[in-house]
Amino acid sequence: MLELSAPAREHFTHPRHAGDLDPDAPDVATVRVGEPVSGDILQLQLRVSAGETITAARFKAYGSAWTIACGSLLTARIQGRTLAEAAQFQHDELVEALEIPPAHLTCAVLAETALKAALRAWVAPRTPSDATTQIHQSRTCSRRKPPC
């Protein structure tokens, strides 16, 4: 934990919005994404209002402290945003705020990938307990390319 920046350590030791929402609720989208090289997994759940605002966001993470910090800050940043605003979220926000070193960039990209997947899951036809699982593979990322 010594390698964590002060903001990342705060989110790791006191994560915001960790836990579950009811996956069977009609206003909840649930996704789980993973990064096969590191083995990190991030589950993200969004509760969306009729006005298309994210009224609640929850995460669960398995992996490094950086992944947990990214999940925590991601949920704090997107809660209260509209779906259109959340769709503009870039992993760079996490990198800057948490002072993520290049070696752990994949943790921020994984969080962005989870958000984009959750937004796609929200607009796709759903059935109760229908969770989306994705495997995330990335070596390098660019702002101009879609999330890795």
N, C-alpha and C. Protein backbone atom coordinates (compact mmCIF):
# COMPACT_ATOMS: atom_id res chain seq x y z
N MET A 1 0.81 -1.19 0.00
CA MET A 1 0.00 0.00 0.00
C MET A 1 0.87 1.26 0.00
N LEU A 2 2.14 1.14 0.23
CA LEU A 2 3.01 2.30 0.24
C LEU A 2 3.10 2.96 -1.12
N GLU A 3 2.88 2.21 -2.20
CA GLU A 3 2.98 2.79 -3.53
C GLU A 3 1.77 3.64 -3.91
N LEU A 4 0.71 3.58 -3.15
CA LEU A 4 -0.49 4.35 -3.47
C LEU A 4 -0.27 5.84 -3.19
N SER A 5 -0.85 6.67 -4.04
CA SER A 5 -0.87 8.10 -3.78
C SER A 5 -1.81 8.36 -2.60
N ALA A 6 -1.73 9.53 -2.03
CA ALA A 6 -2.61 9.86 -0.90
C ALA A 6 -4.09 9.78 -1.28
N PRO A 7 -4.52 10.33 -2.45
CA PRO A 7 -5.95 10.21 -2.78
C PRO A 7 -6.38 8.76 -3.03
N ALA A 8 -5.50 7.98 -3.64
CA ALA A 8 -5.83 6.57 -3.90
C ALA A 8 -5.91 5.80 -2.59
N ARG A 9 -4.99 6.09 -1.67
CA ARG A 9 -5.02 5.41 -0.37
C ARG A 9 -6.32 5.72 0.37
N GLU A 10 -6.78 6.97 0.28
CA GLU A 10 -8.04 7.35 0.92
C GLU A 10 -9.22 6.56 0.35
N HIS A 11 -9.28 6.43 -0.98
CA HIS A 11 -10.38 5.67 -1.60
C HIS A 11 -10.24 4.17 -1.35
N PHE A 12 -9.02 3.69 -1.21
CA PHE A 12 -8.81 2.27 -0.94
C PHE A 12 -9.21 1.93 0.50
N THR A 13 -8.80 2.76 1.44
CA THR A 13 -9.08 2.45 2.85
C THR A 13 -10.51 2.81 3.25
N HIS A 14 -11.12 3.79 2.56
CA HIS A 14 -12.49 4.20 2.84
C HIS A 14 -13.27 4.28 1.54
N PRO A 15 -13.53 3.12 0.91
CA PRO A 15 -14.20 3.15 -0.40
C PRO A 15 -15.62 3.70 -0.30
N ARG A 16 -15.97 4.49 -1.30
CA ARG A 16 -17.32 5.05 -1.40
C ARG A 16 -18.17 4.13 -2.26
N HIS A 17 -19.40 3.96 -1.89
CA HIS A 17 -20.40 3.26 -2.70
C HIS A 17 -20.03 1.81 -3.01
N ALA A 18 -19.34 1.14 -2.11
CA ALA A 18 -19.06 -0.29 -2.28
C ALA A 18 -20.31 -1.06 -1.89
N GLY A 19 -20.56 -2.16 -2.57
CA GLY A 19 -21.69 -3.00 -2.21
C GLY A 19 -22.56 -3.34 -3.40
N ASP A 20 -23.83 -3.61 -3.11
CA ASP A 20 -24.77 -4.10 -4.11
C ASP A 20 -26.02 -3.26 -4.18
N LEU A 21 -26.61 -3.27 -5.36
CA LEU A 21 -27.99 -2.85 -5.57
C LEU A 21 -28.75 -4.11 -5.96
N ASP A 22 -30.05 -4.09 -5.88
CA ASP A 22 -30.85 -5.25 -6.24
C ASP A 22 -30.74 -5.48 -7.75
N PRO A 23 -30.07 -6.57 -8.17
CA PRO A 23 -29.89 -6.79 -9.60
C PRO A 23 -31.19 -7.10 -10.34
N ASP A 24 -32.23 -7.47 -9.61
CA ASP A 24 -33.51 -7.78 -10.25
C ASP A 24 -34.41 -6.56 -10.40
N ALA A 25 -34.01 -5.44 -9.82
CA ALA A 25 -34.81 -4.22 -9.94
C ALA A 25 -34.78 -3.74 -11.39
N PRO A 26 -35.92 -3.30 -11.90
CA PRO A 26 -35.97 -2.89 -13.31
C PRO A 26 -35.19 -1.62 -13.61
N ASP A 27 -34.83 -0.87 -12.58
CA ASP A 27 -34.07 0.36 -12.81
C ASP A 27 -32.58 0.21 -12.53
N VAL A 28 -32.09 -1.04 -12.49
CA VAL A 28 -30.69 -1.31 -12.19
C VAL A 28 -30.02 -2.06 -13.34
N ALA A 29 -28.87 -1.56 -13.75
CA ALA A 29 -28.02 -2.25 -14.73
C ALA A 29 -26.80 -2.78 -13.99
N THR A 30 -26.43 -4.02 -14.26
CA THR A 30 -25.30 -4.66 -13.61
C THR A 30 -24.34 -5.20 -14.65
N VAL A 31 -23.06 -4.91 -14.49
CA VAL A 31 -22.03 -5.46 -15.38
C VAL A 31 -20.83 -5.90 -14.55
N ARG A 32 -20.09 -6.81 -15.12
CA ARG A 32 -18.85 -7.28 -14.50
C ARG A 32 -17.82 -7.36 -15.61
N VAL A 33 -16.70 -6.68 -15.42
CA VAL A 33 -15.63 -6.70 -16.42
C VAL A 33 -14.34 -7.17 -15.75
N GLY A 34 -13.49 -7.77 -16.54
CA GLY A 34 -12.23 -8.27 -16.01
C GLY A 34 -11.07 -7.97 -16.92
N GLU A 35 -9.91 -7.94 -16.34
CA GLU A 35 -8.66 -7.72 -17.06
C GLU A 35 -7.85 -9.00 -16.90
N PRO A 36 -7.72 -9.80 -17.98
CA PRO A 36 -7.13 -11.13 -17.84
C PRO A 36 -5.66 -11.16 -17.44
N VAL A 37 -4.89 -10.15 -17.79
CA VAL A 37 -3.46 -10.18 -17.46
C VAL A 37 -3.26 -10.05 -15.95
N SER A 38 -3.94 -9.09 -15.33
CA SER A 38 -3.78 -8.87 -13.89
C SER A 38 -4.75 -9.71 -13.07
N GLY A 39 -5.86 -10.10 -13.67
CA GLY A 39 -6.88 -10.84 -12.94
C GLY A 39 -7.86 -9.95 -12.21
N ASP A 40 -7.73 -8.63 -12.35
CA ASP A 40 -8.64 -7.71 -11.69
C ASP A 40 -10.05 -7.83 -12.27
N ILE A 41 -11.05 -7.72 -11.41
CA ILE A 41 -12.46 -7.77 -11.81
C ILE A 41 -13.17 -6.61 -11.13
N LEU A 42 -14.03 -5.95 -11.90
CA LEU A 42 -14.81 -4.84 -11.35
C LEU A 42 -16.27 -5.06 -11.72
N GLN A 43 -17.13 -5.10 -10.71
CA GLN A 43 -18.57 -5.15 -10.93
C GLN A 43 -19.11 -3.76 -10.67
N LEU A 44 -19.96 -3.29 -11.58
CA LEU A 44 -20.55 -1.96 -11.44
C LEU A 44 -22.05 -2.09 -11.61
N GLN A 45 -22.79 -1.43 -10.73
CA GLN A 45 -24.24 -1.38 -10.81
C GLN A 45 -24.69 0.06 -10.81
N LEU A 46 -25.63 0.36 -11.69
CA LEU A 46 -26.19 1.70 -11.78
C LEU A 46 -27.70 1.63 -11.59
N ARG A 47 -28.24 2.51 -10.75
CA ARG A 47 -29.69 2.69 -10.66
C ARG A 47 -30.00 3.97 -11.42
N VAL A 48 -30.92 3.87 -12.39
CA VAL A 48 -31.20 4.99 -13.26
C VAL A 48 -32.66 5.40 -13.09
N SER A 49 -32.87 6.71 -12.92
CA SER A 49 -34.23 7.24 -12.75
C SER A 49 -34.93 7.35 -14.09
N ALA A 50 -36.22 7.61 -14.03
CA ALA A 50 -37.00 7.80 -15.26
C ALA A 50 -36.47 9.00 -16.06
N GLY A 51 -35.85 9.94 -15.38
CA GLY A 51 -35.27 11.11 -16.04
C GLY A 51 -33.86 10.86 -16.57
N GLU A 52 -33.45 9.60 -16.56
CA GLU A 52 -32.14 9.17 -17.06
C GLU A 52 -30.98 9.78 -16.27
N THR A 53 -31.15 9.83 -14.96
CA THR A 53 -30.09 10.27 -14.06
C THR A 53 -29.65 9.06 -13.24
N ILE A 54 -28.36 8.94 -13.03
CA ILE A 54 -27.84 7.85 -12.19
C ILE A 54 -28.07 8.26 -10.74
N THR A 55 -29.03 7.60 -10.11
CA THR A 55 -29.38 7.95 -8.74
C THR A 55 -28.56 7.18 -7.72
N ALA A 56 -27.99 6.05 -8.12
CA ALA A 56 -27.12 5.27 -7.24
C ALA A 56 -26.13 4.50 -8.09
N ALA A 57 -24.94 4.35 -7.59
CA ALA A 57 -23.90 3.55 -8.24
C ALA A 57 -23.18 2.76 -7.16
N ARG A 58 -22.97 1.48 -7.41
CA ARG A 58 -22.27 0.61 -6.46
C ARG A 58 -21.23 -0.19 -7.22
N PHE A 59 -20.17 -0.55 -6.51
CA PHE A 59 -19.14 -1.36 -7.13
C PHE A 59 -18.65 -2.43 -6.16
N LYS A 60 -18.10 -3.48 -6.75
CA LYS A 60 -17.34 -4.49 -6.03
C LYS A 60 -16.10 -4.73 -6.88
N ALA A 61 -14.97 -4.90 -6.24
CA ALA A 61 -13.73 -5.09 -6.98
C ALA A 61 -12.94 -6.23 -6.38
N TYR A 62 -12.28 -6.94 -7.27
CA TYR A 62 -11.34 -7.98 -6.88
C TYR A 62 -10.05 -7.64 -7.60
N GLY A 63 -9.00 -7.43 -6.86
CA GLY A 63 -7.73 -7.11 -7.49
C GLY A 63 -6.92 -6.15 -6.67
N SER A 64 -6.20 -5.32 -7.37
CA SER A 64 -5.26 -4.42 -6.71
C SER A 64 -5.96 -3.28 -5.97
N ALA A 65 -5.20 -2.65 -5.11
CA ALA A 65 -5.70 -1.48 -4.39
C ALA A 65 -6.07 -0.37 -5.36
N TRP A 66 -5.35 -0.26 -6.47
CA TRP A 66 -5.65 0.75 -7.48
C TRP A 66 -7.02 0.51 -8.10
N THR A 67 -7.39 -0.74 -8.33
CA THR A 67 -8.70 -1.07 -8.90
C THR A 67 -9.81 -0.69 -7.92
N ILE A 68 -9.61 -0.95 -6.66
CA ILE A 68 -10.60 -0.60 -5.64
C ILE A 68 -10.74 0.92 -5.57
N ALA A 69 -9.62 1.63 -5.59
CA ALA A 69 -9.67 3.10 -5.55
C ALA A 69 -10.39 3.64 -6.78
N CYS A 70 -10.13 3.05 -7.94
CA CYS A 70 -10.80 3.50 -9.18
C CYS A 70 -12.30 3.26 -9.11
N GLY A 71 -12.71 2.09 -8.61
CA GLY A 71 -14.14 1.81 -8.46
C GLY A 71 -14.81 2.79 -7.52
N SER A 72 -14.14 3.10 -6.43
CA SER A 72 -14.69 4.04 -5.45
C SER A 72 -14.86 5.43 -6.04
N LEU A 73 -13.81 5.94 -6.68
CA LEU A 73 -13.90 7.29 -7.23
C LEU A 73 -14.86 7.34 -8.41
N LEU A 74 -14.88 6.30 -9.23
CA LEU A 74 -15.81 6.26 -10.36
C LEU A 74 -17.25 6.40 -9.88
N THR A 75 -17.64 5.62 -8.89
CA THR A 75 -19.02 5.68 -8.41
C THR A 75 -19.34 7.05 -7.80
N ALA A 76 -18.37 7.63 -7.11
CA ALA A 76 -18.58 8.96 -6.53
C ALA A 76 -18.76 10.01 -7.63
N ARG A 77 -18.02 9.86 -8.71
CA ARG A 77 -18.08 10.86 -9.79
C ARG A 77 -19.34 10.75 -10.65
N ILE A 78 -19.86 9.54 -10.84
CA ILE A 78 -20.98 9.39 -11.77
C ILE A 78 -22.34 9.49 -11.10
N GLN A 79 -22.40 9.26 -9.82
CA GLN A 79 -23.69 9.34 -9.12
C GLN A 79 -24.21 10.76 -9.23
N GLY A 80 -25.44 10.91 -9.70
CA GLY A 80 -26.04 12.22 -9.88
C GLY A 80 -25.91 12.75 -11.30
N ARG A 81 -25.09 12.12 -12.10
CA ARG A 81 -24.95 12.55 -13.50
C ARG A 81 -26.04 11.93 -14.35
N THR A 82 -26.36 12.59 -15.46
CA THR A 82 -27.27 11.99 -16.43
C THR A 82 -26.50 10.93 -17.20
N LEU A 83 -27.23 10.08 -17.90
CA LEU A 83 -26.57 9.05 -18.71
C LEU A 83 -25.69 9.69 -19.77
N ALA A 84 -26.16 10.79 -20.36
CA ALA A 84 -25.37 11.49 -21.38
C ALA A 84 -24.08 12.04 -20.78
N GLU A 85 -24.15 12.58 -19.57
CA GLU A 85 -22.95 13.09 -18.91
C GLU A 85 -21.99 11.96 -18.56
N ALA A 86 -22.54 10.86 -18.06
CA ALA A 86 -21.71 9.71 -17.70
C ALA A 86 -21.03 9.12 -18.92
N ALA A 87 -21.69 9.17 -20.07
CA ALA A 87 -21.11 8.62 -21.30
C ALA A 87 -19.85 9.39 -21.71
N GLN A 88 -19.70 10.61 -21.24
CA GLN A 88 -18.53 11.43 -21.57
C GLN A 88 -17.34 11.16 -20.63
N PHE A 89 -17.56 10.36 -19.60
CA PHE A 89 -16.51 10.08 -18.62
C PHE A 89 -15.33 9.40 -19.30
N GLN A 90 -14.14 9.84 -18.97
CA GLN A 90 -12.90 9.25 -19.49
C GLN A 90 -12.03 8.81 -18.32
N HIS A 91 -11.30 7.74 -18.52
CA HIS A 91 -10.44 7.22 -17.44
C HIS A 91 -9.39 8.25 -16.99
N ASP A 92 -9.11 9.24 -17.83
CA ASP A 92 -8.15 10.28 -17.46
C ASP A 92 -8.56 11.01 -16.18
N GLU A 93 -9.87 11.12 -15.93
CA GLU A 93 -10.34 11.75 -14.69
C GLU A 93 -9.82 11.00 -13.47
N LEU A 94 -9.83 9.67 -13.56
CA LEU A 94 -9.35 8.85 -12.46
C LEU A 94 -7.83 8.94 -12.34
N VAL A 95 -7.15 8.91 -13.48
CA VAL A 95 -5.69 8.97 -13.49
C VAL A 95 -5.22 10.25 -12.81
N GLU A 96 -5.82 11.37 -13.18
CA GLU A 96 -5.43 12.66 -12.59
C GLU A 96 -5.77 12.74 -11.11
N ALA A 97 -7.00 12.41 -10.76
CA ALA A 97 -7.45 12.57 -9.37
C ALA A 97 -6.74 11.63 -8.41
N LEU A 98 -6.46 10.41 -8.87
CA LEU A 98 -5.83 9.42 -7.99
C LEU A 98 -4.32 9.35 -8.16
N GLU A 99 -3.79 10.14 -9.10
CA GLU A 99 -2.35 10.16 -9.37
C GLU A 99 -1.85 8.75 -9.69
N ILE A 100 -2.53 8.10 -10.64
CA ILE A 100 -2.21 6.72 -11.00
C ILE A 100 -0.95 6.68 -11.86
N PRO A 101 0.04 5.88 -11.47
CA PRO A 101 1.25 5.77 -12.28
C PRO A 101 0.98 4.95 -13.56
N PRO A 102 1.79 5.11 -14.58
CA PRO A 102 1.57 4.40 -15.84
C PRO A 102 1.45 2.88 -15.69
N ALA A 103 2.15 2.30 -14.75
CA ALA A 103 2.11 0.85 -14.56
C ALA A 103 0.72 0.35 -14.14
N HIS A 104 -0.12 1.24 -13.62
CA HIS A 104 -1.45 0.85 -13.15
C HIS A 104 -2.57 1.52 -13.94
N LEU A 105 -2.25 2.02 -15.10
CA LEU A 105 -3.24 2.67 -15.96
C LEU A 105 -4.40 1.73 -16.29
N THR A 106 -4.13 0.44 -16.40
CA THR A 106 -5.19 -0.52 -16.74
C THR A 106 -6.32 -0.52 -15.71
N CYS A 107 -6.04 -0.14 -14.48
CA CYS A 107 -7.09 -0.09 -13.45
C CYS A 107 -8.11 1.01 -13.77
N ALA A 108 -7.62 2.16 -14.21
CA ALA A 108 -8.51 3.26 -14.59
C ALA A 108 -9.28 2.91 -15.86
N VAL A 109 -8.60 2.27 -16.80
CA VAL A 109 -9.26 1.87 -18.05
C VAL A 109 -10.33 0.82 -17.76
N LEU A 110 -10.06 -0.08 -16.84
CA LEU A 110 -11.05 -1.09 -16.45
C LEU A 110 -12.31 -0.43 -15.89
N ALA A 111 -12.14 0.61 -15.08
CA ALA A 111 -13.29 1.33 -14.51
C ALA A 111 -14.08 2.01 -15.62
N GLU A 112 -13.41 2.65 -16.56
CA GLU A 112 -14.12 3.27 -17.69
C GLU A 112 -14.84 2.22 -18.52
N THR A 113 -14.19 1.10 -18.75
CA THR A 113 -14.80 0.00 -19.51
C THR A 113 -16.06 -0.49 -18.82
N ALA A 114 -16.02 -0.62 -17.50
CA ALA A 114 -17.20 -1.05 -16.74
C ALA A 114 -18.34 -0.05 -16.90
N LEU A 115 -18.01 1.24 -16.82
CA LEU A 115 -19.05 2.26 -16.98
C LEU A 115 -19.67 2.20 -18.37
N LYS A 116 -18.86 2.12 -19.40
CA LYS A 116 -19.38 2.07 -20.78
C LYS A 116 -20.24 0.82 -20.96
N ALA A 117 -19.81 -0.30 -20.39
CA ALA A 117 -20.60 -1.54 -20.48
C ALA A 117 -21.92 -1.40 -19.74
N ALA A 118 -21.92 -0.74 -18.59
CA ALA A 118 -23.16 -0.55 -17.83
C ALA A 118 -24.13 0.35 -18.60
N LEU A 119 -23.60 1.37 -19.23
CA LEU A 119 -24.47 2.25 -20.04
C LEU A 119 -25.06 1.48 -21.21
N ARG A 120 -24.26 0.63 -21.85
CA ARG A 120 -24.78 -0.20 -22.95
C ARG A 120 -25.82 -1.19 -22.42
N ALA A 121 -25.55 -1.76 -21.25
CA ALA A 121 -26.49 -2.73 -20.66
C ALA A 121 -27.81 -2.05 -20.32
N TRP A 122 -27.76 -0.79 -19.93
CA TRP A 122 -28.98 -0.08 -19.58
C TRP A 122 -29.89 0.08 -20.79
N VAL A 123 -29.35 0.38 -21.94
CA VAL A 123 -30.18 0.61 -23.12
C VAL A 123 -30.57 -0.69 -23.82
N ALA A 124 -29.84 -1.77 -23.54
CA ALA A 124 -30.16 -3.07 -24.15
C ALA A 124 -31.35 -3.70 -23.43
N PRO A 125 -32.12 -4.50 -24.16
CA PRO A 125 -33.22 -5.22 -23.49
C PRO A 125 -32.66 -6.10 -22.37
N ARG A 126 -33.33 -6.07 -21.20
CA ARG A 126 -32.84 -6.82 -20.05
C ARG A 126 -33.91 -7.77 -19.54
N THR A 127 -33.42 -8.80 -18.90
CA THR A 127 -34.30 -9.71 -18.16
C THR A 127 -33.79 -9.70 -16.72
N PRO A 128 -34.62 -10.03 -15.74
CA PRO A 128 -34.15 -10.05 -14.36
C PRO A 128 -32.91 -10.94 -14.20
N SER A 129 -31.97 -10.49 -13.38
CA SER A 129 -30.72 -11.20 -13.10
C SER A 129 -29.84 -11.37 -14.33
N ASP A 130 -30.03 -10.52 -15.34
CA ASP A 130 -29.22 -10.60 -16.56
C ASP A 130 -28.00 -9.70 -16.39
N ALA A 131 -26.88 -10.28 -15.99
CA ALA A 131 -25.65 -9.52 -15.80
C ALA A 131 -24.75 -9.69 -17.01
N THR A 132 -24.12 -8.62 -17.39
CA THR A 132 -23.19 -8.66 -18.51
C THR A 132 -21.79 -8.91 -17.98
N THR A 133 -21.10 -9.85 -18.57
CA THR A 133 -19.73 -10.12 -18.19
C THR A 133 -18.86 -9.91 -19.40
N GLN A 134 -17.78 -9.18 -19.23
CA GLN A 134 -16.86 -8.92 -20.32
C GLN A 134 -15.45 -9.17 -19.85
N ILE A 135 -14.62 -9.57 -20.79
CA ILE A 135 -13.20 -9.68 -20.52
C ILE A 135 -12.55 -8.50 -21.20
N HIS A 136 -11.76 -7.79 -20.47
CA HIS A 136 -11.12 -6.58 -20.96
C HIS A 136 -9.65 -6.90 -21.25
N GLN A 137 -9.23 -6.66 -22.48
CA GLN A 137 -7.84 -6.89 -22.83
C GLN A 137 -7.24 -5.60 -23.33
N SER A 138 -6.11 -5.25 -22.77
CA SER A 138 -5.49 -4.00 -23.17
C SER A 138 -4.02 -4.01 -22.86
N ARG A 139 -3.26 -3.43 -23.73
CA ARG A 139 -1.85 -3.17 -23.47
C ARG A 139 -1.61 -1.66 -23.47
N THR A 140 -2.18 -0.97 -24.45
CA THR A 140 -2.04 0.47 -24.53
C THR A 140 -3.39 1.09 -24.82
N CYS A 141 -3.55 2.32 -24.44
CA CYS A 141 -4.81 3.00 -24.63
C CYS A 141 -4.56 4.39 -25.18
N SER A 142 -5.57 4.90 -25.84
CA SER A 142 -5.48 6.24 -26.41
C SER A 142 -6.83 6.92 -26.24
N ARG A 143 -6.83 8.21 -26.12
CA ARG A 143 -8.09 8.94 -26.02
C ARG A 143 -8.90 8.81 -27.29
N ARG A 144 -8.25 8.65 -28.42
CA ARG A 144 -8.95 8.63 -29.69
C ARG A 144 -9.58 7.29 -30.00
N LYS A 145 -9.08 6.26 -29.36
CA LYS A 145 -9.62 4.94 -29.60
C LYS A 145 -10.71 4.65 -28.56
N PRO A 146 -11.61 3.71 -28.87
CA PRO A 146 -12.58 3.32 -27.86
C PRO A 146 -11.86 2.70 -26.67
N PRO A 147 -12.51 2.61 -25.51
CA PRO A 147 -11.85 2.01 -24.35
C PRO A 147 -11.27 0.66 -24.70
N CYS A 148 -10.09 0.40 -24.17
CA CYS A 148 -9.37 -0.84 -24.46
C CYS A 148 -10.07 -2.04 -23.88
